[in-house]
Every structure is written in structure tokens, then in C-alpha cells.
């Protein structure tokens, strides 16, 4: 799959989550979690996380970032630093 096609596919998935959630953060997290659990490709998980962050969907970003960590794309150090920064530490 070419880079542009992958980008368009990931963009569609993120926008689908945002649209179907109808503004509900709980629904965003639930829909993103369902998708993230099905992902086995660590690159796909981080690509979706970064795209969600770029689009301003912080909660969707966190779900896919967590999945990227679980799959080994995000190091424990980077994951820990992100969580500490989020907590303001």
C-alpha cells in the first residue's frame, strides 16, 4: 500500500470514529478501542495515533498510542514520559 493510500485509509478511520461518536468522548474511546484491539501492525497503530493527534482528537490518539506501546512501537521510556507529562510531572 502506498504512503498516500495508507494516509487516506487512516484518515478515513479516524474521521469515522469522530463522526460516529457524535461528539461523545466515551463513544470515541469505545470505537477507537474496538479498532485498536484489531490492529496487529505496530506501524499502523502509531500512524493512527499521530494522525489523531494532528487532527486534535486527543482521546483517540491515546487509544492508538497505547496500542502502539502494547505492540512494541513505542518504548517504555517514551510511554512513561508521555504519561508523566500528561499528569504534569
Protein backbone atom coordinates (compact mmCIF):
# COMPACT_ATOMS: atom_id res chain seq x y z
CA UNK A 1 0.00 0.00 0.00
CA UNK A 2 1.48 3.34 -0.97
CA UNK A 3 2.04 6.06 1.58
CA UNK A 4 -0.79 8.25 0.28
CA UNK A 5 -3.28 5.36 0.23
CA UNK A 6 -2.29 4.40 3.80
CA UNK A 7 -2.69 8.01 4.90
CA UNK A 8 -6.14 8.27 3.28
CA UNK A 9 -7.20 4.96 4.85
CA UNK A 10 -6.05 6.03 8.31
CA UNK A 11 -7.68 9.45 7.87
CA UNK A 12 -10.97 7.77 6.97
CA UNK A 13 -10.80 5.53 10.04
CA UNK A 14 -10.10 8.44 12.41
CA UNK A 15 -12.83 10.58 10.85
CA UNK A 16 -15.27 7.65 11.02
CA UNK A 17 -14.63 7.33 14.74
CA UNK A 18 -15.14 11.06 15.27
CA UNK A 19 -18.30 11.14 13.14
CA UNK A 20 -19.91 8.04 14.63
CA UNK A 21 -19.22 9.17 18.19
CA UNK A 22 -21.48 12.21 17.67
CA UNK A 23 -19.28 14.32 19.96
CA UNK A 24 -19.27 11.83 22.83
CA UNK A 25 -15.79 11.24 24.26
CA UNK A 26 -16.93 7.91 25.72
CA UNK A 27 -18.07 6.75 22.27
CA UNK A 28 -14.82 7.96 20.71
CA UNK A 29 -12.81 5.92 23.18
CA UNK A 30 -15.04 2.87 22.75
CA UNK A 31 -14.92 2.95 18.93
CA UNK A 32 -11.18 3.64 18.88
CA UNK A 33 -10.60 0.80 21.35
CA UNK A 34 -12.51 -1.65 19.17
CA UNK A 35 -10.39 -0.68 16.16
CA UNK A 36 -7.13 -0.62 18.10
CA UNK A 37 -7.63 -4.12 19.51
CA UNK A 38 -7.84 -5.47 15.95
CA UNK A 39 -4.57 -3.86 14.89
CA UNK A 40 -1.58 -6.17 14.85
CA UNK A 41 0.73 -3.89 12.83
CA UNK A 42 2.67 -1.59 15.13
CA UNK A 43 3.24 0.96 12.35
CA UNK A 44 -0.49 1.21 11.69
CA UNK A 45 -1.15 1.85 15.38
CA UNK A 46 1.38 4.69 15.65
CA UNK A 47 0.33 6.19 12.31
CA UNK A 48 -3.28 6.38 13.51
CA UNK A 49 -2.20 7.78 16.86
CA UNK A 50 -0.14 10.53 15.28
CA UNK A 51 -2.85 11.38 12.76
CA UNK A 52 -5.48 11.58 15.50
CA UNK A 53 -3.21 13.90 17.48
CA UNK A 54 -2.62 16.06 14.39
CA UNK A 55 -6.38 16.33 13.88
CA UNK A 56 -6.93 17.28 17.53
CA UNK A 57 -8.55 14.04 18.70
CA UNK A 58 -6.58 13.59 21.92
CA UNK A 59 -8.69 10.74 23.27
CA UNK A 60 -8.44 8.78 20.02
CA UNK A 61 -4.69 9.48 19.99
CA UNK A 62 -4.31 7.98 23.45
CA UNK A 63 -6.08 4.75 22.50
CA UNK A 64 -3.90 4.17 19.43
CA UNK A 65 -0.75 5.35 21.26
CA UNK A 66 -1.46 2.77 23.98
CA UNK A 67 -1.87 0.10 21.29
CA UNK A 68 1.39 1.15 19.63
CA UNK A 69 3.06 0.74 23.02
CA UNK A 70 1.49 -2.70 23.51
CA UNK A 71 2.78 -3.78 20.08
CA UNK A 72 6.29 -2.50 20.79
CA UNK A 73 6.42 0.57 18.53
CA UNK A 74 6.59 2.97 21.49
CA UNK A 75 9.33 2.33 24.04
CA UNK A 76 8.56 2.05 27.73
CA UNK A 77 10.64 5.18 28.31
CA UNK A 78 8.68 7.22 25.75
CA UNK A 79 5.36 5.90 27.03
CA UNK A 80 6.28 6.70 30.63
CA UNK A 81 7.44 10.21 29.68
CA UNK A 82 4.17 10.86 27.86
CA UNK A 83 2.09 9.71 30.83
CA UNK A 84 4.16 11.78 33.29
CA UNK A 85 3.88 14.86 31.08
CA UNK A 86 0.13 14.37 30.87
CA UNK A 87 -0.01 14.23 34.66
CA UNK A 88 2.04 17.42 34.84
CA UNK A 89 5.02 15.73 36.46
